[in-house]
Amino acid sequence: MRWCCNLCVWGLLLTGAITARASDPPVLAIYLNTTAETRSAIPDWHEAAFDRAIIALEQREVAVTQYPAAAYDRTGGQPKLFAVVTQAESGVTLTTDVHSPHLLPSAVLYESTSQPLSIEVVSAEDVEHWIAGLGLYAVDRCDDANSLWEGRTEAELGFYRGNCDILAGEYQAAEASYTGLLEVLDEAQQLLMPDVSVNLAWVHLQQGDPERAFEAVNAAIAALEAECCADGPATINYARLIADRGQLHALNFDFDAAIEDASQAIEIADEYDLPYALTAQFYKERGDHIFLIYEWDRVLADYDRAIELDPALADAYFARGVLYYTQGPRASALSDFERFAELASDSPRLPEAETYIDSITIELDALAGDDTGPFGPSN
């Protein structure tokens, strides 16, 4: 029974639940360079294309709020779209980025590219269809996005098309989308976008082909290893990719390899003084992997270290709350779930945390203050 229970917990830790859509229209924050200060630097017809893209989103019942491009960041639970047009002698470029924190069915998958995408545009239609389509993707409207992208041939769309294919369970199509994108990226771009290889590897795992999965991610690691560790971005991508391979190993039930990769990522982070928030994430992931081999003290030590390094890492509180809940200390679990709720009030996992909070509160009342609870490590 404990084995089954812990596999269920493993599913909660390593995969993200696909949340049901709310009845209210989704809200998209869109960041554009069409403020009064920047309008003179872009062609008038591109500004009109921005307007038509927003109209297209609103016609599909997406509530759009507009902000200046300079205010954009990849934080929070609200879907965001960054879209900036620049003009130079060589032509016009559209640069886009998406922040959508609740789309894909696994925590290892990347929901947006690690670097913004740029394309050369020749018509207002390019701008309109790219922006509206990516906005629809950001709010989990892949069918509508694909209808806008139909007939478009830009390989750069391959990442988001591939993600939509994953959501539809069309793994062969997803493979083709990611592979097509990798074929057009030059060497420098591939070093900046290891996330494409991770998503492709995950698809191969779903296809029952772990050999090809690890070929894809190992090739990306080898390319980054040659660049590591001359600069910060290359080192961060290298460490992150090794940790991602660990998550893929866990999904392939090779927990020892998963732990080894997470440990290597931690060592790289320590050696090259990578940001504490990133190192904390690696500790949290290693704790998730160790959870699967039932070494509770090691799990707790890694979750504690993750929170020590990054006290705002909400997922670490949720994971430690699950650990406490399954092993006994109800009051400690309650404290962690409450802290998660404070830090991640817009998280798709908030309802789950609130369910734990309600349940634990009732149990503690019934146990009359007995914080050990009925489920100790030996049960």
Protein backbone atom coordinates (compact mmCIF):
# COMPACT_ATOMS: atom_id res chain seq x y z
CA MET A 1 0.00 0.00 0.00
CA ARG A 2 2.82 2.41 0.85
CA TRP A 3 4.41 1.72 -2.57
CA CYS A 4 1.18 2.61 -4.36
CA CYS A 5 0.70 5.70 -2.26
CA ASN A 6 4.22 6.94 -2.94
CA LEU A 7 3.87 6.35 -6.68
CA CYS A 8 0.80 8.58 -6.53
CA VAL A 9 2.84 11.20 -4.69
CA TRP A 10 5.59 10.81 -7.28
CA GLY A 11 3.05 11.60 -9.96
CA LEU A 12 2.08 14.75 -8.09
CA LEU A 13 5.70 15.83 -7.71
CA LEU A 14 7.01 15.10 -11.20
CA THR A 15 3.99 15.86 -13.33
CA GLY A 16 1.81 18.90 -13.44
CA ALA A 17 -1.92 18.35 -13.36
CA ILE A 18 -3.83 19.76 -16.32
CA THR A 19 -6.29 22.15 -14.77
CA ALA A 20 -9.82 22.63 -15.95
CA ARG A 21 -10.58 25.85 -17.73
CA ALA A 22 -12.51 28.40 -15.79
CA SER A 23 -15.82 29.65 -17.10
CA ASP A 24 -14.57 33.25 -17.07
CA PRO A 25 -12.62 34.44 -20.12
CA PRO A 26 -8.87 34.00 -19.67
CA VAL A 27 -6.84 37.16 -19.09
CA LEU A 28 -3.67 37.76 -21.12
CA ALA A 29 -1.13 40.44 -20.24
CA ILE A 30 0.48 41.64 -23.46
CA TYR A 31 3.65 43.75 -23.50
CA LEU A 32 4.17 45.83 -26.65
CA ASN A 33 6.51 48.55 -27.86
CA THR A 34 3.71 50.80 -29.00
CA THR A 35 3.93 53.38 -26.25
CA ALA A 36 4.23 57.05 -27.16
CA GLU A 37 7.99 56.90 -26.58
CA THR A 38 8.59 54.08 -29.07
CA ARG A 39 5.98 54.50 -31.78
CA SER A 40 8.24 56.67 -33.90
CA ALA A 41 10.74 53.78 -34.16
CA ILE A 42 8.37 51.29 -35.79
CA PRO A 43 6.39 51.38 -39.04
CA ASP A 44 2.77 52.53 -38.76
CA TRP A 45 1.48 49.36 -40.37
CA HIS A 46 3.00 47.22 -37.61
CA GLU A 47 1.18 49.24 -34.97
CA ALA A 48 -2.04 48.58 -36.86
CA ALA A 49 -1.14 44.89 -36.93
CA PHE A 50 -0.76 44.93 -33.14
CA ASP A 51 -4.25 46.40 -32.91
CA ARG A 52 -5.71 43.71 -35.18
CA ALA A 53 -3.98 40.97 -33.19
CA ILE A 54 -5.56 42.26 -29.99
CA ILE A 55 -8.95 42.44 -31.70
CA ALA A 56 -8.50 38.84 -32.87
CA LEU A 57 -7.80 37.76 -29.30
CA GLU A 58 -10.77 39.62 -27.91
CA GLN A 59 -13.03 38.14 -30.58
CA ARG A 60 -12.00 34.73 -29.22
CA GLU A 61 -13.02 35.80 -25.71
CA VAL A 62 -9.54 36.54 -24.37
CA ALA A 63 -9.45 39.55 -22.06
CA VAL A 64 -6.33 41.54 -22.97
CA THR A 65 -4.52 44.00 -20.74
CA GLN A 66 -1.72 46.02 -22.34
CA TYR A 67 1.57 47.10 -20.79
CA PRO A 68 4.80 48.65 -22.09
CA ALA A 69 7.39 46.11 -23.22
CA ALA A 70 9.91 47.36 -20.67
CA ALA A 71 7.69 46.08 -17.83
CA TYR A 72 7.78 42.43 -18.99
CA ASP A 73 9.20 39.65 -16.83
CA ARG A 74 8.73 35.89 -16.59
CA THR A 75 7.11 35.71 -13.18
CA GLY A 76 3.68 35.14 -11.70
CA GLY A 77 0.81 32.92 -12.63
CA GLN A 78 -0.82 35.11 -15.26
CA PRO A 79 -0.23 34.26 -18.94
CA LYS A 80 1.93 36.91 -20.58
CA LEU A 81 3.02 37.72 -24.11
CA PHE A 82 5.94 39.95 -25.07
CA ALA A 83 5.98 41.27 -28.64
CA VAL A 84 8.38 43.92 -29.91
CA VAL A 85 8.95 45.13 -33.46
CA THR A 86 12.28 46.69 -34.40
CA GLN A 87 13.32 48.25 -37.69
CA ALA A 88 16.80 48.39 -39.14
CA GLU A 89 18.39 48.73 -42.57
CA SER A 90 18.29 44.95 -42.94
CA GLY A 91 14.54 44.84 -42.40
CA VAL A 92 11.89 44.50 -39.73
CA THR A 93 12.17 41.98 -36.89
CA LEU A 94 9.45 40.73 -34.55
CA THR A 95 10.71 39.40 -31.21
CA THR A 96 8.28 37.43 -29.05
CA ASP A 97 8.28 35.64 -25.73
CA VAL A 98 5.58 33.73 -23.84
CA HIS A 99 5.11 33.17 -20.14
CA SER A 100 2.44 30.57 -19.52
CA PRO A 101 2.83 28.72 -16.24
CA HIS A 102 0.14 26.05 -16.47
CA LEU A 103 -0.02 24.39 -19.86
CA LEU A 104 1.91 21.18 -20.22
CA PRO A 105 1.41 17.76 -18.58
CA SER A 106 4.88 17.31 -17.06
CA ALA A 107 7.12 19.47 -14.89
CA VAL A 108 10.15 18.65 -17.02
CA LEU A 109 8.60 20.16 -20.15
CA TYR A 110 9.31 23.73 -21.15
CA GLU A 111 6.22 25.80 -21.82
CA SER A 112 8.14 28.62 -23.51
CA THR A 113 11.55 28.92 -25.11
CA SER A 114 14.39 29.87 -22.79
CA GLN A 115 15.27 32.71 -25.16
CA PRO A 116 12.87 35.03 -26.99
CA LEU A 117 12.22 34.11 -30.62
CA SER A 118 12.87 36.56 -33.45
CA ILE A 119 11.63 36.42 -37.03
CA GLU A 120 11.96 38.72 -40.01
CA VAL A 121 8.56 39.98 -41.09
CA VAL A 122 7.45 41.32 -44.43
CA SER A 123 3.76 41.99 -43.88
CA ALA A 124 1.26 43.05 -41.27
CA GLU A 125 -0.23 39.56 -41.49
CA ASP A 126 3.02 38.10 -40.12
CA VAL A 127 2.79 40.27 -37.04
CA GLU A 128 -0.94 39.79 -36.54
CA HIS A 129 -0.90 36.01 -36.84
CA TRP A 130 2.20 35.51 -34.72
CA ILE A 131 0.99 37.70 -31.86
CA ALA A 132 -2.61 36.48 -31.83
CA GLY A 133 -1.54 32.85 -32.18
CA LEU A 134 1.02 33.03 -29.37
CA GLY A 135 -1.50 34.86 -27.19
CA LEU A 136 -3.99 32.05 -27.70
CA TYR A 137 -1.29 29.49 -26.94
CA ALA A 138 -0.46 31.33 -23.71
CA VAL A 139 -4.06 31.02 -22.46
CA ASP A 140 -4.32 27.32 -23.41
CA ARG A 141 -6.25 27.77 -26.67
CA CYS A 142 -4.14 25.62 -28.97
CA ASP A 143 -6.95 24.83 -31.40
CA ASP A 144 -7.55 28.53 -32.01
CA ALA A 145 -3.80 29.21 -32.23
CA ASN A 146 -3.34 26.49 -34.85
CA SER A 147 -6.17 27.92 -36.90
CA LEU A 148 -4.30 31.23 -37.08
CA TRP A 149 -1.00 29.49 -37.84
CA GLU A 150 -2.45 27.28 -40.57
CA GLY A 151 -0.42 27.63 -43.72
CA ARG A 152 2.45 29.41 -42.02
CA THR A 153 5.83 27.83 -42.67
CA GLU A 154 8.14 29.53 -40.15
CA ALA A 155 10.17 26.83 -38.44
CA GLU A 156 10.39 29.02 -35.33
CA LEU A 157 6.75 28.19 -34.67
CA GLY A 158 7.83 24.57 -34.26
CA PHE A 159 8.35 24.87 -30.52
CA TYR A 160 4.84 26.09 -29.79
CA ARG A 161 3.26 23.85 -32.38
CA GLY A 162 5.08 20.94 -30.78
CA ASN A 163 3.75 21.86 -27.36
CA CYS A 164 0.23 22.03 -28.77
CA ASP A 165 0.78 18.60 -30.35
CA ILE A 166 1.75 17.27 -26.91
CA LEU A 167 -1.45 18.62 -25.39
CA ALA A 168 -3.40 16.88 -28.16
CA GLY A 169 -1.50 13.61 -27.63
CA GLU A 170 -0.09 13.82 -31.17
CA TYR A 171 3.45 12.74 -30.36
CA GLN A 172 4.56 12.03 -33.92
CA ALA A 173 3.52 15.52 -34.95
CA ALA A 174 5.29 16.97 -31.89
CA GLU A 175 8.46 15.12 -32.83
CA ALA A 176 8.31 16.58 -36.36
CA SER A 177 7.73 20.09 -35.00
CA TYR A 178 10.70 20.03 -32.61
CA THR A 179 13.00 18.31 -35.08
CA GLY A 180 12.15 20.85 -37.77
CA LEU A 181 13.04 23.68 -35.41
CA LEU A 182 16.36 22.11 -34.40
CA GLU A 183 17.29 21.73 -38.07
CA VAL A 184 17.01 25.46 -38.76
CA LEU A 185 18.68 26.73 -35.59
CA ASP A 186 22.34 27.55 -35.98
CA GLU A 187 24.87 26.26 -33.45
CA ALA A 188 24.73 29.37 -31.28
CA GLN A 189 20.94 29.31 -31.17
CA GLN A 190 20.87 25.63 -30.23
CA LEU A 191 23.14 26.38 -27.28
CA LEU A 192 20.62 28.95 -26.09
CA MET A 193 17.61 26.67 -26.58
CA PRO A 194 18.31 23.30 -24.92
CA ASP A 195 14.65 23.24 -23.92
CA VAL A 196 13.72 22.11 -27.44
CA SER A 197 15.80 18.97 -26.97
CA VAL A 198 14.26 18.30 -23.56
CA ASN A 199 10.74 18.46 -24.94
CA LEU A 200 11.75 16.23 -27.85
CA ALA A 201 13.28 13.72 -25.42
CA TRP A 202 10.08 13.67 -23.37
CA VAL A 203 8.10 12.93 -26.54
CA HIS A 204 10.39 9.99 -27.32
CA LEU A 205 9.74 8.63 -23.82
CA GLN A 206 6.00 8.81 -24.46
CA GLN A 207 6.60 6.94 -27.70
CA GLY A 208 8.30 4.16 -25.72
CA ASP A 209 11.76 4.94 -27.13
CA PRO A 210 14.07 5.88 -24.23
CA GLU A 211 17.17 5.29 -26.37
CA ARG A 212 16.24 8.11 -28.73
CA ALA A 213 15.12 10.23 -25.78
CA PHE A 214 18.51 10.17 -24.15
CA GLU A 215 20.30 10.50 -27.46
CA ALA A 216 18.51 13.82 -27.93
CA VAL A 217 19.25 15.21 -24.50
CA ASN A 218 22.82 13.85 -24.39
CA ALA A 219 23.60 15.54 -27.72
CA ALA A 220 22.40 18.85 -26.30
CA ILE A 221 24.46 18.32 -23.14
CA ALA A 222 27.58 17.52 -25.17
CA ALA A 223 27.17 20.72 -27.18
CA LEU A 224 26.81 22.80 -24.03
CA GLU A 225 29.68 21.03 -22.28
CA ALA A 226 32.05 22.40 -24.92
CA GLU A 227 30.93 25.92 -23.96
CA CYS A 228 30.82 25.42 -20.22
CA CYS A 229 31.84 27.18 -18.24
CA ALA A 230 33.15 30.28 -19.93
CA ASP A 231 30.12 32.45 -19.25
CA GLY A 232 27.11 32.52 -16.98
CA PRO A 233 24.33 31.72 -19.46
CA ALA A 234 26.14 28.69 -20.91
CA THR A 235 26.88 27.36 -17.42
CA ILE A 236 23.29 27.85 -16.28
CA ASN A 237 21.95 26.08 -19.37
CA TYR A 238 24.46 23.26 -18.92
CA ALA A 239 23.54 22.68 -15.26
CA ARG A 240 19.83 23.02 -15.99
CA LEU A 241 20.01 20.52 -18.84
CA ILE A 242 21.77 17.93 -16.67
CA ALA A 243 19.06 18.38 -14.04
CA ASP A 244 16.42 18.01 -16.77
CA ARG A 245 18.03 14.75 -17.86
CA GLY A 246 17.65 13.64 -14.26
CA GLN A 247 13.93 14.29 -14.41
CA LEU A 248 13.73 12.31 -17.63
CA HIS A 249 15.58 9.43 -15.94
CA ALA A 250 13.03 9.56 -13.12
CA LEU A 251 10.18 9.37 -15.61
CA ASN A 252 11.97 6.34 -17.07
CA PHE A 253 12.10 4.78 -13.55
CA ASP A 254 15.91 5.01 -13.34
CA PHE A 255 15.97 6.76 -9.99
CA ASP A 256 19.68 6.25 -9.28
CA ALA A 257 20.57 8.02 -12.54
CA ALA A 258 18.08 10.76 -11.71
CA ILE A 259 19.71 11.37 -8.33
CA GLU A 260 23.17 11.32 -9.88
CA ASP A 261 22.22 13.97 -12.44
CA ALA A 262 20.63 16.22 -9.83
CA SER A 263 23.76 15.88 -7.69
CA GLN A 264 25.96 16.83 -10.65
CA ALA A 265 23.80 19.89 -11.32
CA ILE A 266 24.21 20.92 -7.66
CA GLU A 267 27.98 20.48 -7.88
CA ILE A 268 28.16 22.69 -11.00
CA ALA A 269 25.98 25.31 -9.35
CA ASP A 270 28.21 25.36 -6.26
CA GLU A 271 31.45 25.44 -8.22
CA TYR A 272 30.43 28.31 -10.47
CA ASP A 273 28.35 30.27 -7.97
CA LEU A 274 25.15 30.01 -9.93
CA PRO A 275 22.10 31.86 -8.55
CA TYR A 276 20.80 30.49 -5.26
CA ALA A 277 17.30 30.18 -6.71
CA LEU A 278 18.58 27.79 -9.39
CA THR A 279 20.59 25.74 -6.90
CA ALA A 280 17.53 25.55 -4.67
CA GLN A 281 15.53 24.13 -7.57
CA PHE A 282 18.16 21.43 -8.08
CA TYR A 283 17.97 20.44 -4.40
CA LYS A 284 14.20 20.30 -4.60
CA GLU A 285 14.36 18.07 -7.70
CA ARG A 286 16.91 15.75 -6.06
CA GLY A 287 14.62 15.48 -3.07
CA ASP A 288 11.79 14.47 -5.41
CA HIS A 289 13.96 11.71 -6.87
CA ILE A 290 15.12 10.42 -3.47
CA PHE A 291 11.47 10.36 -2.37
CA LEU A 292 11.00 7.51 -4.82
CA ILE A 293 13.51 5.30 -3.04
CA TYR A 294 11.99 6.03 0.40
CA GLU A 295 15.06 7.59 2.06
CA TRP A 296 13.02 10.10 4.02
CA ASP A 297 15.83 11.79 5.95
CA ARG A 298 17.67 12.58 2.74
CA VAL A 299 14.49 13.88 1.16
CA LEU A 300 13.85 16.18 4.09
CA ALA A 301 17.45 17.41 4.07
CA ASP A 302 17.21 18.37 0.39
CA TYR A 303 13.86 20.13 0.77
CA ASP A 304 15.18 21.97 3.83
CA ARG A 305 18.28 23.05 1.89
CA ALA A 306 16.17 24.21 -1.06
CA ILE A 307 14.07 26.40 1.24
CA GLU A 308 17.17 27.69 3.01
CA LEU A 309 18.64 28.80 -0.32
CA ASP A 310 15.39 30.23 -1.65
CA PRO A 311 12.76 30.91 1.02
CA ALA A 312 10.34 31.93 -1.75
CA LEU A 313 10.50 28.58 -3.59
CA ALA A 314 6.82 27.69 -3.30
CA ASP A 315 7.14 24.23 -4.86
CA ALA A 316 9.62 23.20 -2.17
CA TYR A 317 7.07 23.98 0.55
CA PHE A 318 4.43 21.98 -1.30
CA ALA A 319 6.79 19.02 -1.71
CA ARG A 320 7.90 19.14 1.93
CA GLY A 321 4.27 19.39 2.96
CA VAL A 322 3.55 16.18 1.05
CA LEU A 323 6.52 14.53 2.74
CA TYR A 324 5.38 15.57 6.22
CA TYR A 325 1.81 14.53 5.44
CA THR A 326 2.79 11.04 4.26
CA GLN A 327 5.20 10.51 7.15
CA GLY A 328 3.18 11.83 10.05
CA PRO A 329 3.79 15.39 11.32
CA ARG A 330 0.48 17.01 10.46
CA ALA A 331 1.18 20.42 11.97
CA SER A 332 4.42 20.71 10.01
CA ALA A 333 2.60 19.72 6.83
CA LEU A 334 -0.11 22.29 7.53
CA SER A 335 2.49 25.04 7.99
CA ASP A 336 4.14 24.20 4.66
CA PHE A 337 0.90 24.07 2.69
CA GLU A 338 -0.15 27.40 4.20
CA ARG A 339 3.21 28.90 3.22
CA PHE A 340 2.80 27.53 -0.30
CA ALA A 341 -0.63 29.16 -0.52
CA GLU A 342 0.86 32.49 0.54
CA LEU A 343 3.65 32.32 -2.03
CA ALA A 344 1.67 30.84 -4.92
CA SER A 345 -1.78 32.36 -4.67
CA ASP A 346 -2.13 32.17 -8.48
CA SER A 347 -0.77 28.64 -8.87
CA PRO A 348 -2.87 25.93 -10.53
CA ARG A 349 -1.93 23.76 -7.52
CA LEU A 350 -3.52 26.13 -5.03
CA PRO A 351 -6.83 24.18 -4.86
CA GLU A 352 -4.85 21.02 -4.07
CA ALA A 353 -2.96 22.80 -1.30
CA GLU A 354 -6.22 24.16 0.10
CA THR A 355 -7.65 20.65 0.14
CA TYR A 356 -4.65 19.49 2.18
CA ILE A 357 -5.07 22.46 4.53
CA ASP A 358 -8.74 21.72 5.14
CA SER A 359 -8.11 18.00 5.63
CA ILE A 360 -5.17 18.47 8.00
CA THR A 361 -7.07 21.03 10.07
CA ILE A 362 -9.87 18.50 10.58
CA GLU A 363 -7.38 15.72 11.39
CA LEU A 364 -5.51 17.82 13.94
CA ASP A 365 -8.79 18.64 15.67
CA ALA A 366 -9.70 14.94 15.72
CA LEU A 367 -6.24 13.97 17.00
CA ALA A 368 -6.50 16.46 19.88
CA GLY A 369 -3.05 17.86 19.26
CA ASP A 370 -1.26 14.56 18.52
CA ASP A 371 1.07 15.79 15.78
CA THR A 372 2.45 12.37 14.83
CA GLY A 373 -0.71 11.31 13.01
CA PRO A 374 -1.58 7.74 12.07
CA PHE A 375 0.99 7.27 9.29
CA GLY A 376 4.59 6.99 10.43
CA PRO A 377 7.59 5.98 8.28
CA SER A 378 7.30 2.35 9.36
CA ASN A 379 3.69 1.94 8.21
